[in-house]
PDB file of N, CA and C in Angstrom:
ATOM      1  N   MET A   1       1.075  -0.973  -0.015  1.00  0.00           N
ATOM      2  CA  MET A   1      -0.037   0.084  -0.182  1.00  0.00           C
ATOM      3  C   MET A   1       0.795   1.147  -0.187  1.00  0.00           C
ATOM      4  N   ARG A   2       0.199   2.204  -0.900  1.00  0.00           N
ATOM      5  CA  ARG A   2       1.229   3.629  -0.868  1.00  0.00           C
ATOM      6  C   ARG A   2       0.810   4.519   0.310  1.00  0.00           C
ATOM      7  N   ASN A   3       1.919   5.040   0.878  1.00  0.00           N
ATOM      8  CA  ASN A   3       1.601   6.120   1.468  1.00  0.00           C
ATOM      9  C   ASN A   3       0.938   7.439   1.052  1.00  0.00           C
ATOM     10  N   THR A   4      -0.388   7.317   1.587  1.00  0.00           N
ATOM     11  CA  THR A   4      -1.083   8.692   1.491  1.00  0.00           C
ATOM     12  C   THR A   4      -1.041   9.565   2.043  1.00  0.00           C
ATOM     13  N   HIS A   5      -1.308  11.026   1.984  1.00  0.00           N
ATOM     14  CA  HIS A   5      -1.931  11.546   3.035  1.00  0.00           C
ATOM     15  C   HIS A   5      -2.472  13.086   2.201  1.00  0.00           C
ATOM     16  N   ILE A   6      -3.203  13.482   3.188  1.00  0.00           N
ATOM     17  CA  ILE A   6      -4.067  14.473   2.848  1.00  0.00           C
ATOM     18  C   ILE A   6      -3.135  15.771   2.707  1.00  0.00           C
ATOM     19  N   ILE A   7      -3.345  16.362   1.639  1.00  0.00           N
ATOM     20  CA  ILE A   7      -2.461  17.983   1.157  1.00  0.00           C
ATOM     21  C   ILE A   7      -3.615  19.203   1.485  1.00  0.00           C
ATOM     22  N   CYS A   8      -4.804  18.906   0.979  1.00  0.00           N
ATOM     23  CA  CYS A   8      -5.759  19.958   0.903  1.00  0.00           C
ATOM     24  C   CYS A   8      -7.129  19.283   1.625  1.00  0.00           C
ATOM     25  N   PHE A   9      -7.671  20.574   2.310  1.00  0.00           N
ATOM     26  CA  PHE A   9      -8.841  20.113   2.940  1.00  0.00           C
ATOM     27  C   PHE A   9      -9.663  21.515   2.703  1.00  0.00           C
ATOM     28  N   VAL A  10     -10.864  21.692   2.386  1.00  0.00           N
ATOM     29  CA  VAL A  10     -12.569  22.611   2.598  1.00  0.00           C
ATOM     30  C   VAL A  10     -13.230  22.117   3.433  1.00  0.00           C
ATOM     31  N   PHE A  11     -14.009  22.989   3.975  1.00  0.00           N
ATOM     32  CA  PHE A  11     -15.007  22.670   4.811  1.00  0.00           C
ATOM     33  C   PHE A  11     -16.411  23.526   3.894  1.00  0.00           C
ATOM     34  N   LEU A  12     -16.950  22.989   3.794  1.00  0.00           N
ATOM     35  CA  LEU A  12     -18.522  23.523   2.959  1.00  0.00           C
ATOM     36  C   LEU A  12     -19.820  23.136   4.180  1.00  0.00           C
ATOM     37  N   LEU A  13     -20.652  24.331   4.020  1.00  0.00           N
ATOM     38  CA  LEU A  13     -21.729  24.169   4.928  1.00  0.00           C
ATOM     39  C   LEU A  13     -23.151  24.670   3.283  1.00  0.00           C
ATOM     40  N   PHE A  14     -23.681  24.205   4.262  1.00  0.00           N
ATOM     41  CA  PHE A  14     -24.892  25.005   2.777  1.00  0.00           C
ATOM     42  C   PHE A  14     -26.377  24.956   3.723  1.00  0.00           C
ATOM     43  N   ASN A  15     -26.883  25.816   3.067  1.00  0.00           N
ATOM     44  CA  ASN A  15     -28.412  26.401   3.631  1.00  0.00           C
ATOM     45  C   ASN A  15     -28.949  26.105   2.164  1.00  0.00           C
ATOM     46  N   THR A  16     -30.739  25.581   2.528  1.00  0.00           N
ATOM     47  CA  THR A  16     -31.254  25.120   1.793  1.00  0.00           C
ATOM     48  C   THR A  16     -33.002  25.525   2.229  1.00  0.00           C
ATOM     49  N   HIS A  17     -33.350  25.647   1.477  1.00  0.00           N
ATOM     50  CA  HIS A  17     -34.907  26.034   1.325  1.00  0.00           C
ATOM     51  C   HIS A  17     -35.606  25.025   0.703  1.00  0.00           C
ATOM     52  N   LYS A  18     -36.920  24.639   1.744  1.00  0.00           N
ATOM     53  CA  LYS A  18     -37.567  23.698   0.883  1.00  0.00           C
ATOM     54  C   LYS A  18     -38.273  23.910  -0.533  1.00  0.00           C
ATOM     55  N   ILE A  19     -38.221  25.237  -0.738  1.00  0.00           N
ATOM     56  CA  ILE A  19     -39.318  25.429  -2.041  1.00  0.00           C
ATOM     57  C   ILE A  19     -37.920  25.480  -2.945  1.00  0.00           C
ATOM     58  N   LYS A  20     -37.163  26.704  -2.221  1.00  0.00           N
ATOM     59  CA  LYS A  20     -35.926  26.798  -3.548  1.00  0.00           C
ATOM     60  C   LYS A  20     -34.568  26.036  -3.601  1.00  0.00           C
ATOM     61  N   GLY A  21     -34.525  25.312  -2.747  1.00  0.00           N
ATOM     62  CA  GLY A  21     -33.249  24.577  -2.711  1.00  0.00           C
ATOM     63  C   GLY A  21     -32.600  24.929  -2.363  1.00  0.00           C
ATOM     64  N   LEU A  22     -30.882  24.586  -2.626  1.00  0.00           N
ATOM     65  CA  LEU A  22     -29.848  25.124  -2.407  1.00  0.00           C
ATOM     66  C   LEU A  22     -29.939  26.800  -2.196  1.00  0.00           C
ATOM     67  N   THR A  23     -29.723  27.015  -1.537  1.00  0.00           N
ATOM     68  CA  THR A  23     -29.585  28.797  -1.553  1.00  0.00           C
ATOM     69  C   THR A  23     -28.158  29.965  -1.090  1.00  0.00           C
ATOM     70  N   ILE A  24     -27.425  28.747  -0.705  1.00  0.00           N
ATOM     71  CA  ILE A  24     -25.847  29.476  -0.289  1.00  0.00           C
ATOM     72  C   ILE A  24     -24.946  28.713   0.246  1.00  0.00           C
ATOM     73  N   VAL A  25     -24.013  28.499  -0.319  1.00  0.00           N
ATOM     74  CA  VAL A  25     -23.061  27.931  -0.171  1.00  0.00           C
ATOM     75  C   VAL A  25     -21.969  28.769   0.755  1.00  0.00           C
ATOM     76  N   TYR A  26     -21.736  28.252   2.100  1.00  0.00           N
ATOM     77  CA  TYR A  26     -20.370  28.866   3.066  1.00  0.00           C
ATOM     78  C   TYR A  26     -19.374  27.794   2.483  1.00  0.00           C
ATOM     79  N   ILE A  27     -18.096  28.766   2.477  1.00  0.00           N
ATOM     80  CA  ILE A  27     -17.067  28.030   2.029  1.00  0.00           C
ATOM     81  C   ILE A  27     -16.016  28.576   3.423  1.00  0.00           C
ATOM     82  N   GLN A  28     -15.276  27.672   4.276  1.00  0.00           N
ATOM     83  CA  GLN A  28     -14.961  27.480   5.568  1.00  0.00           C
ATOM     84  C   GLN A  28     -13.414  27.000   5.347  1.00  0.00           C
ATOM     85  N   ASP A  29     -12.500  27.327   5.364  1.00  0.00           N
ATOM     86  CA  ASP A  29     -11.217  26.936   5.520  1.00  0.00           C
ATOM     87  C   ASP A  29     -10.660  25.606   4.823  1.00  0.00           C
ATOM     88  N   ILE A  30      -9.910  26.771   3.207  1.00  0.00           N
ATOM     89  CA  ILE A  30      -8.997  26.204   2.406  1.00  0.00           C
ATOM     90  C   ILE A  30      -7.599  26.141   3.155  1.00  0.00           C
ATOM     91  N   LEU A  31      -7.381  25.004   3.301  1.00  0.00           N
ATOM     92  CA  LEU A  31      -6.164  24.805   3.763  1.00  0.00           C
ATOM     93  C   LEU A  31      -5.475  23.668   3.056  1.00  0.00           C
ATOM     94  N   VAL A  32      -4.461  23.982   2.964  1.00  0.00           N
ATOM     95  CA  VAL A  32      -2.978  23.233   2.041  1.00  0.00           C
ATOM     96  C   VAL A  32      -2.034  23.225   2.996  1.00  0.00           C
ATOM     97  N   LEU A  33      -1.235  22.231   2.711  1.00  0.00           N
ATOM     98  CA  LEU A  33      -0.237  21.777   3.566  1.00  0.00           C
ATOM     99  C   LEU A  33       1.403  22.778   2.806  1.00  0.00           C
ATOM    100  N   ASN A  34       1.776  23.450   3.837  1.00  0.00           N
ATOM    101  CA  ASN A  34       3.303  24.456   3.235  1.00  0.00           C
ATOM    102  C   ASN A  34       3.436  23.907   1.440  1.00  0.00           C
ATOM    103  N   ALA A  35       4.361  22.835   1.977  1.00  0.00           N
ATOM    104  CA  ALA A  35       4.433  21.994   0.945  1.00  0.00           C
ATOM    105  C   ALA A  35       4.236  22.400  -0.122  1.00  0.00           C
ATOM    106  N   TYR A  36       2.828  22.385  -0.521  1.00  0.00           N
ATOM    107  CA  TYR A  36       2.156  22.136  -1.519  1.00  0.00           C
ATOM    108  C   TYR A  36       1.609  23.257  -2.165  1.00  0.00           C
ATOM    109  N   GLN A  37       1.543  24.362  -0.860  1.00  0.00           N
ATOM    110  CA  GLN A  37       1.446  25.536  -1.451  1.00  0.00           C
ATOM    111  C   GLN A  37       2.010  26.205  -2.505  1.00  0.00           C
ATOM    112  N   ASN A  38       0.674  27.552  -3.461  1.00  0.00           N
ATOM    113  CA  ASN A  38       1.664  28.227  -4.496  1.00  0.00           C
ATOM    114  C   ASN A  38       1.844  26.943  -5.646  1.00  0.00           C
ATOM    115  N   LYS A  39       1.097  26.219  -5.734  1.00  0.00           N
ATOM    116  CA  LYS A  39       0.996  25.005  -6.847  1.00  0.00           C
ATOM    117  C   LYS A  39      -0.514  24.899  -7.804  1.00  0.00           C
ATOM    118  N   GLY A  40      -0.839  25.555  -7.372  1.00  0.00           N
ATOM    119  CA  GLY A  40      -2.428  26.231  -8.052  1.00  0.00           C
ATOM    120  C   GLY A  40      -3.398  24.923  -7.174  1.00  0.00           C
ATOM    121  N   ILE A  41      -3.243  24.203  -6.401  1.00  0.00           N
ATOM    122  CA  ILE A  41      -4.043  22.934  -5.707  1.00  0.00           C
ATOM    123  C   ILE A  41      -5.337  23.570  -5.195  1.00  0.00           C
ATOM    124  N   ALA A  42      -5.296  24.629  -4.024  1.00  0.00           N
ATOM    125  CA  ALA A  42      -6.277  25.287  -4.051  1.00  0.00           C
ATOM    126  C   ALA A  42      -7.064  26.034  -4.547  1.00  0.00           C
ATOM    127  N   SER A  43      -6.727  26.792  -5.630  1.00  0.00           N
ATOM    128  CA  SER A  43      -7.211  27.473  -6.788  1.00  0.00           C
ATOM    129  C   SER A  43      -8.157  26.370  -7.520  1.00  0.00           C
ATOM    130  N   GLU A  44      -7.670  25.325  -7.362  1.00  0.00           N
ATOM    131  CA  GLU A  44      -8.343  24.125  -8.153  1.00  0.00           C
ATOM    132  C   GLU A  44      -9.301  23.871  -7.368  1.00  0.00           C
ATOM    133  N   LEU A  45      -8.831  23.533  -6.590  1.00  0.00           N
ATOM    134  CA  LEU A  45     -10.251  22.640  -5.727  1.00  0.00           C
ATOM    135  C   LEU A  45     -11.322  24.336  -5.846  1.00  0.00           C
ATOM    136  N   LEU A  46     -10.824  25.270  -5.261  1.00  0.00           N
ATOM    137  CA  LEU A  46     -12.377  26.121  -5.273  1.00  0.00           C
ATOM    138  C   LEU A  46     -12.655  26.540  -6.523  1.00  0.00           C
ATOM    139  N   GLN A  47     -12.022  26.156  -8.062  1.00  0.00           N
ATOM    140  CA  GLN A  47     -12.793  26.666  -9.015  1.00  0.00           C
ATOM    141  C   GLN A  47     -13.861  25.155  -9.393  1.00  0.00           C
ATOM    142  N   ARG A  48     -13.434  24.351  -8.783  1.00  0.00           N
ATOM    143  CA  ARG A  48     -14.323  22.710  -9.217  1.00  0.00           C
ATOM    144  C   ARG A  48     -15.788  23.209  -8.098  1.00  0.00           C
ATOM    145  N   ILE A  49     -15.410  23.989  -6.813  1.00  0.00           N
ATOM    146  CA  ILE A  49     -16.466  24.137  -5.926  1.00  0.00           C
ATOM    147  C   ILE A  49     -17.395  25.098  -7.004  1.00  0.00           C
ATOM    148  N   LEU A  50     -16.658  26.247  -7.191  1.00  0.00           N
ATOM    149  CA  LEU A  50     -18.026  27.150  -7.723  1.00  0.00           C
ATOM    150  C   LEU A  50     -18.549  26.781  -9.127  1.00  0.00           C
ATOM    151  N   ASN A  51     -17.585  26.162  -9.949  1.00  0.00           N
ATOM    152  CA  ASN A  51     -18.617  25.412 -11.034  1.00  0.00           C
ATOM    153  C   ASN A  51     -19.463  24.412 -10.526  1.00  0.00           C
ATOM    154  N   LYS A  52     -18.816  23.601  -9.578  1.00  0.00           N
ATOM    155  CA  LYS A  52     -20.235  22.542  -9.194  1.00  0.00           C
ATOM    156  C   LYS A  52     -21.605  23.168  -8.895  1.00  0.00           C
ATOM    157  N   TYR A  53     -21.148  24.160  -7.705  1.00  0.00           N
ATOM    158  CA  TYR A  53     -22.462  25.133  -7.309  1.00  0.00           C
ATOM    159  C   TYR A  53     -22.835  26.679  -8.159  1.00  0.00           C
ATOM    160  N   LYS A  54     -22.289  26.525  -9.261  1.00  0.00           N
ATOM    161  CA  LYS A  54     -22.661  27.895  -9.886  1.00  0.00           C
ATOM    162  C   LYS A  54     -23.964  28.295 -10.300  1.00  0.00           C
ATOM    163  N   ASN A  55     -24.998  27.598  -9.878  1.00  0.00           N
ATOM    164  CA  ASN A  55     -26.545  28.047 -10.206  1.00  0.00           C
ATOM    165  C   ASN A  55     -26.799  28.276  -8.226  1.00  0.00           C
ATOM    166  N   VAL A  56     -26.125  28.263  -7.720  1.00  0.00           N
ATOM    167  CA  VAL A  56     -26.325  28.623  -6.529  1.00  0.00           C
ATOM    168  C   VAL A  56     -25.848  30.198  -6.152  1.00  0.00           C
ATOM    169  N   ARG A  57     -26.857  31.318  -6.340  1.00  0.00           N
ATOM    170  CA  ARG A  57     -27.313  32.574  -5.805  1.00  0.00           C
ATOM    171  C   ARG A  57     -25.638  32.993  -5.020  1.00  0.00           C
ATOM    172  N   GLN A  58     -25.848  32.940  -3.604  1.00  0.00           N
ATOM    173  CA  GLN A  58     -24.641  33.117  -2.728  1.00  0.00           C
ATOM    174  C   GLN A  58     -23.685  32.563  -2.266  1.00  0.00           C
ATOM    175  N   LYS A  59     -22.273  32.504  -2.585  1.00  0.00           N
ATOM    176  CA  LYS A  59     -21.364  32.166  -2.365  1.00  0.00           C
ATOM    177  C   LYS A  59     -20.686  32.648  -1.195  1.00  0.00           C
ATOM    178  N   VAL A  60     -20.546  32.308   0.047  1.00  0.00           N
ATOM    179  CA  VAL A  60     -20.105  33.180   1.053  1.00  0.00           C
ATOM    180  C   VAL A  60     -18.788  32.402   1.772  1.00  0.00           C
ATOM    181  N   LEU A  61     -17.888  33.334   2.147  1.00  0.00           N
ATOM    182  CA  LEU A  61     -16.720  32.942   2.300  1.00  0.00           C
ATOM    183  C   LEU A  61     -16.186  33.531   3.641  1.00  0.00           C
ATOM    184  N   LEU A  62     -15.161  33.050   5.058  1.00  0.00           N
ATOM    185  CA  LEU A  62     -15.319  34.155   5.800  1.00  0.00           C
ATOM    186  C   LEU A  62     -13.830  33.399   5.944  1.00  0.00           C
ATOM    187  N   THR A  63     -12.747  34.445   6.193  1.00  0.00           N
ATOM    188  CA  THR A  63     -11.591  34.071   6.915  1.00  0.00           C
ATOM    189  C   THR A  63     -10.837  35.091   7.187  1.00  0.00           C
ATOM    190  N   GLU A  64      -9.765  34.637   7.364  1.00  0.00           N
ATOM    191  CA  GLU A  64      -9.223  35.669   8.188  1.00  0.00           C
ATOM    192  C   GLU A  64      -8.275  36.451   7.070  1.00  0.00           C
ATOM    193  N   GLU A  65      -7.745  38.064   7.978  1.00  0.00           N
ATOM    194  CA  GLU A  65      -6.843  38.780   6.953  1.00  0.00           C
ATOM    195  C   GLU A  65      -5.226  38.513   7.408  1.00  0.00           C
ATOM    196  N   ALA A  66      -4.964  37.746   6.323  1.00  0.00           N
ATOM    197  CA  ALA A  66      -3.225  37.801   6.380  1.00  0.00           C
ATOM    198  C   ALA A  66      -2.338  37.835   5.153  1.00  0.00           C
ATOM    199  N   SER A  67      -1.702  37.458   5.240  1.00  0.00           N
ATOM    200  CA  SER A  67      -0.851  38.275   3.755  1.00  0.00           C
ATOM    201  C   SER A  67      -0.843  36.983   3.032  1.00  0.00           C
ATOM    202  N   GLY A  68      -1.626  37.554   1.738  1.00  0.00           N
ATOM    203  CA  GLY A  68      -2.022  36.657   0.526  1.00  0.00           C
ATOM    204  C   GLY A  68      -3.059  36.171   0.557  1.00  0.00           C
ATOM    205  N   VAL A  69      -3.752  36.426   1.721  1.00  0.00           N
ATOM    206  CA  VAL A  69      -5.289  35.282   1.824  1.00  0.00           C
ATOM    207  C   VAL A  69      -6.218  36.312   0.838  1.00  0.00           C
ATOM    208  N   ARG A  70      -5.880  37.378   0.675  1.00  0.00           N
ATOM    209  CA  ARG A  70      -7.053  38.599  -0.162  1.00  0.00           C
ATOM    210  C   ARG A  70      -6.657  38.236  -1.240  1.00  0.00           C
ATOM    211  N   TYR A  71      -5.663  38.518  -1.757  1.00  0.00           N
ATOM    212  CA  TYR A  71      -5.079  38.209  -3.363  1.00  0.00           C
ATOM    213  C   TYR A  71      -5.783  36.939  -3.431  1.00  0.00           C
ATOM    214  N   PHE A  72      -5.444  35.757  -3.364  1.00  0.00           N
ATOM    215  CA  PHE A  72      -5.462  34.735  -3.091  1.00  0.00           C
ATOM    216  C   PHE A  72      -7.148  34.354  -3.643  1.00  0.00           C
ATOM    217  N   TYR A  73      -8.291  34.838  -2.863  1.00  0.00           N
ATOM    218  CA  TYR A  73     -10.051  34.912  -2.950  1.00  0.00           C
ATOM    219  C   TYR A  73     -10.394  36.036  -3.649  1.00  0.00           C
ATOM    220  N   GLU A  74      -9.463  36.923  -4.130  1.00  0.00           N
ATOM    221  CA  GLU A  74      -9.857  38.178  -5.130  1.00  0.00           C
ATOM    222  C   GLU A  74      -9.537  37.550  -6.691  1.00  0.00           C
ATOM    223  N   LYS A  75      -8.676  36.895  -6.395  1.00  0.00           N
ATOM    224  CA  LYS A  75      -7.725  36.488  -7.578  1.00  0.00           C
ATOM    225  C   LYS A  75      -8.800  34.985  -8.495  1.00  0.00           C
ATOM    226  N   ASN A  76      -9.541  34.511  -7.593  1.00  0.00           N
ATOM    227  CA  ASN A  76     -10.313  33.543  -7.704  1.00  0.00           C
ATOM    228  C   ASN A  76     -11.988  34.045  -8.009  1.00  0.00           C
ATOM    229  N   GLY A  77     -11.533  35.297  -8.515  1.00  0.00           N
ATOM    230  CA  GLY A  77     -13.650  36.050  -8.371  1.00  0.00           C
ATOM    231  C   GLY A  77     -14.165  36.706  -7.101  1.00  0.00           C
ATOM    232  N   PHE A  78     -13.559  36.556  -6.250  1.00  0.00           N
ATOM    233  CA  PHE A  78     -14.368  37.071  -4.902  1.00  0.00           C
ATOM    234  C   PHE A  78     -14.315  38.547  -4.939  1.00  0.00           C
ATOM    235  N   GLU A  79     -14.906  38.882  -4.029  1.00  0.00           N
ATOM    236  CA  GLU A  79     -15.494  40.451  -4.045  1.00  0.00           C
ATOM    237  C   GLU A  79     -14.889  40.584  -2.163  1.00  0.00           C
ATOM    238  N   SER A  80     -14.442  41.498  -1.929  1.00  0.00           N
ATOM    239  CA  SER A  80     -14.410  41.632  -0.535  1.00  0.00           C
ATOM    240  C   SER A  80     -15.171  42.399   0.157  1.00  0.00           C
ATOM    241  N   CYS A  81     -15.765  42.267   0.972  1.00  0.00           N
ATOM    242  CA  CYS A  81     -17.121  43.187   1.397  1.00  0.00           C
ATOM    243  C   CYS A  81     -17.049  44.452   1.839  1.00  0.00           C
ATOM    244  N   ASP A  82     -15.739  44.752   2.155  1.00  0.00           N
ATOM    245  CA  ASP A  82     -15.549  45.956   2.319  1.00  0.00           C
ATOM    246  C   ASP A  82     -14.759  47.234   1.277  1.00  0.00           C
ATOM    247  N   GLN A  83     -15.063  45.983   0.399  1.00  0.00           N
ATOM    248  CA  GLN A  83     -15.143  47.220  -1.098  1.00  0.00           C
ATOM    249  C   GLN A  83     -16.269  47.154  -2.048  1.00  0.00           C
ATOM    250  N   GLY A  84     -17.076  46.468  -1.808  1.00  0.00           N
ATOM    251  CA  GLY A  84     -18.072  46.059  -3.071  1.00  0.00           C
ATOM    252  C   GLY A  84     -19.445  46.523  -2.239  1.00  0.00           C
ATOM    253  N   LEU A  85     -20.568  45.860  -2.812  1.00  0.00           N
ATOM    254  CA  LEU A  85     -21.653  46.504  -2.335  1.00  0.00           C
ATOM    255  C   LEU A  85     -22.307  46.030  -1.176  1.00  0.00           C
ATOM    256  N   LEU A  86     -21.738  44.657  -1.292  1.00  0.00           N
ATOM    257  CA  LEU A  86     -22.454  44.115   0.087  1.00  0.00           C
ATOM    258  C   LEU A  86     -21.668  44.209   1.622  1.00  0.00           C
ATOM    259  N   VAL A  87     -22.231  43.878   2.493  1.00  0.00           N
ATOM    260  CA  VAL A  87     -21.954  44.125   4.096  1.00  0.00           C
ATOM    261  C   VAL A  87     -22.046  43.227   4.750  1.00  0.00           C
ATOM    262  N   ALA A  88     -20.935  42.616   5.505  1.00  0.00           N
ATOM    263  CA  ALA A  88     -21.179  41.580   6.580  1.00  0.00           C
ATOM    264  C   ALA A  88     -20.465  41.706   7.762  1.00  0.00           C
ATOM    265  N   PHE A  89     -21.006  40.640   8.598  1.00  0.00           N
ATOM    266  CA  PHE A  89     -20.968  41.326  10.254  1.00  0.00           C
ATOM    267  C   PHE A  89     -20.417  39.484  10.465  1.00  0.00           C
ATOM    268  N   ALA A  90     -19.606  39.853  11.802  1.00  0.00           N
ATOM    269  CA  ALA A  90     -19.387  38.539  12.767  1.00  0.00           C
ATOM    270  C   ALA A  90     -19.252  39.105  13.863  1.00  0.00           C
ATOM    271  N   LYS A  91     -19.495  38.371  15.183  1.00  0.00           N
ATOM    272  CA  LYS A  91     -19.273  38.035  16.239  1.00  0.00           C
ATOM    273  C   LYS A  91     -18.433  36.728  16.539  1.00  0.00           C
ATOM    274  N   MET A  92     -17.364  37.729  17.274  1.00  0.00           N
ATOM    275  CA  MET A  92     -16.327  36.593  17.417  1.00  0.00           C
ATOM    276  C   MET A  92     -16.006  36.483  19.382  1.00  0.00           C
ATOM    277  N   ASN A  93     -16.024  35.428  19.636  1.00  0.00           N
ATOM    278  CA  ASN A  93     -16.091  35.145  20.865  1.00  0.00           C
ATOM    279  C   ASN A  93     -14.387  35.201  21.530  1.00  0.00           C
TER     280      ASN A  93
END
């Protein structure tokens, strides 16, 4: 048996409505091992998710502000709520 390990992980949550079906995809924690970063793995995974759920109106992502994070999501088509027409709120404990 080959040695295998997880190099990338993403956690998805969904909001569904009885009549409308899937209405929101929440994307959280796209994590890639350091040795595999900057190889397009997270972008490929994110694009596959966006393509699979392209008919869902809202894709919501909440992440930390860190070096490179904003650039990564903007290059993958996300718009920061502090720069666009949306507003976002969070309560942290």
